[in-house]
């Protein structure tokens, strides 16, 4: 770390932040498959619309 810089967060907090960010992005993208008929193909990799509904209910 350079002199005069303030340490805001440690490595663990950065990892947790990026895990949450990635999970939010995955939920947003997979939610498109539930909401719009044109994006139904997004549900295929996780097992279909029933699985998407189960995941998004939590």
C-alpha atoms as a PDB file:
ATOM      1  CA  UNK A   1       0.000   0.000   0.000  1.00  0.00           C
ATOM      2  CA  UNK A   2       1.314   3.441  -0.910  1.00  0.00           C
ATOM      3  CA  UNK A   3       2.124   5.948   1.792  1.00  0.00           C
ATOM      4  CA  UNK A   4      -0.786   8.252   2.598  1.00  0.00           C
ATOM      5  CA  UNK A   5      -3.505   5.860   1.373  1.00  0.00           C
ATOM      6  CA  UNK A   6      -6.345   4.735   3.615  1.00  0.00           C
ATOM      7  CA  UNK A   7      -7.269   1.050   3.694  1.00  0.00           C
ATOM      8  CA  UNK A   8     -11.046   0.893   3.250  1.00  0.00           C
ATOM      9  CA  UNK A   9     -11.649  -2.844   3.125  1.00  0.00           C
ATOM     10  CA  UNK A  10      -9.659  -6.033   3.374  1.00  0.00           C
ATOM     11  CA  UNK A  11      -9.509  -8.917   0.916  1.00  0.00           C
ATOM     12  CA  UNK A  12     -12.314 -10.896   2.579  1.00  0.00           C
ATOM     13  CA  UNK A  13     -14.758  -7.993   2.258  1.00  0.00           C
ATOM     14  CA  UNK A  14     -13.885  -7.618  -1.416  1.00  0.00           C
ATOM     15  CA  UNK A  15     -14.494 -11.325  -2.041  1.00  0.00           C
ATOM     16  CA  UNK A  16     -17.877 -11.173  -0.277  1.00  0.00           C
ATOM     17  CA  UNK A  17     -18.791  -8.039  -2.244  1.00  0.00           C
ATOM     18  CA  UNK A  18     -18.027  -9.669  -5.597  1.00  0.00           C
ATOM     19  CA  UNK A  19     -19.825 -12.899  -4.663  1.00  0.00           C
ATOM     20  CA  UNK A  20     -22.957 -10.882  -3.888  1.00  0.00           C
ATOM     21  CA  UNK A  21     -22.596  -8.809  -7.065  1.00  0.00           C
ATOM     22  CA  UNK A  22     -22.228 -11.903  -9.252  1.00  0.00           C
ATOM     23  CA  UNK A  23     -25.195 -13.640  -7.607  1.00  0.00           C
ATOM     24  CA  UNK A  24     -27.364 -10.539  -8.160  1.00  0.00           C
ATOM     25  CA  UNK A  25     -26.385 -10.421 -11.831  1.00  0.00           C
ATOM     26  CA  UNK A  26     -27.166 -14.122 -12.267  1.00  0.00           C
ATOM     27  CA  UNK A  27     -30.579 -13.652 -10.635  1.00  0.00           C
ATOM     28  CA  UNK A  28     -31.338 -10.645 -12.841  1.00  0.00           C
ATOM     29  CA  UNK A  29     -30.392 -12.476 -16.028  1.00  0.00           C
ATOM     30  CA  UNK A  30     -32.264 -15.640 -15.095  1.00  0.00           C
ATOM     31  CA  UNK A  31     -35.275 -13.561 -14.049  1.00  0.00           C
ATOM     32  CA  UNK A  32     -35.560 -12.323 -17.618  1.00  0.00           C
ATOM     33  CA  UNK A  33     -36.331 -15.905 -18.627  1.00  0.00           C
ATOM     34  CA  UNK A  34     -39.292 -15.940 -16.271  1.00  0.00           C
ATOM     35  CA  UNK A  35     -40.597 -12.490 -17.073  1.00  0.00           C
ATOM     36  CA  UNK A  36     -40.348 -12.282 -20.853  1.00  0.00           C
ATOM     37  CA  UNK A  37     -41.258 -15.046 -23.313  1.00  0.00           C
ATOM     38  CA  UNK A  38     -38.447 -14.064 -25.703  1.00  0.00           C
ATOM     39  CA  UNK A  39     -35.859 -14.936 -23.023  1.00  0.00           C
ATOM     40  CA  UNK A  40     -37.194 -18.408 -22.121  1.00  0.00           C
ATOM     41  CA  UNK A  41     -33.953 -19.949 -23.389  1.00  0.00           C
ATOM     42  CA  UNK A  42     -32.170 -18.526 -20.316  1.00  0.00           C
ATOM     43  CA  UNK A  43     -33.932 -21.098 -18.131  1.00  0.00           C
ATOM     44  CA  UNK A  44     -32.638 -24.114 -20.048  1.00  0.00           C
ATOM     45  CA  UNK A  45     -29.138 -24.264 -18.422  1.00  0.00           C
ATOM     46  CA  UNK A  46     -30.608 -24.429 -14.905  1.00  0.00           C
ATOM     47  CA  UNK A  47     -33.348 -26.944 -15.625  1.00  0.00           C
ATOM     48  CA  UNK A  48     -36.297 -25.004 -16.983  1.00  0.00           C
ATOM     49  CA  UNK A  49     -38.903 -22.595 -15.733  1.00  0.00           C
ATOM     50  CA  UNK A  50     -39.888 -24.682 -12.697  1.00  0.00           C
ATOM     51  CA  UNK A  51     -36.323 -24.537 -11.395  1.00  0.00           C
ATOM     52  CA  UNK A  52     -36.140 -20.792 -12.039  1.00  0.00           C
ATOM     53  CA  UNK A  53     -39.336 -20.286 -10.066  1.00  0.00           C
ATOM     54  CA  UNK A  54     -37.926 -22.325  -7.179  1.00  0.00           C
ATOM     55  CA  UNK A  55     -34.673 -20.331  -7.165  1.00  0.00           C
ATOM     56  CA  UNK A  56     -36.430 -16.962  -7.324  1.00  0.00           C
ATOM     57  CA  UNK A  57     -38.891 -17.766  -4.518  1.00  0.00           C
ATOM     58  CA  UNK A  58     -36.057 -17.618  -1.999  1.00  0.00           C
END
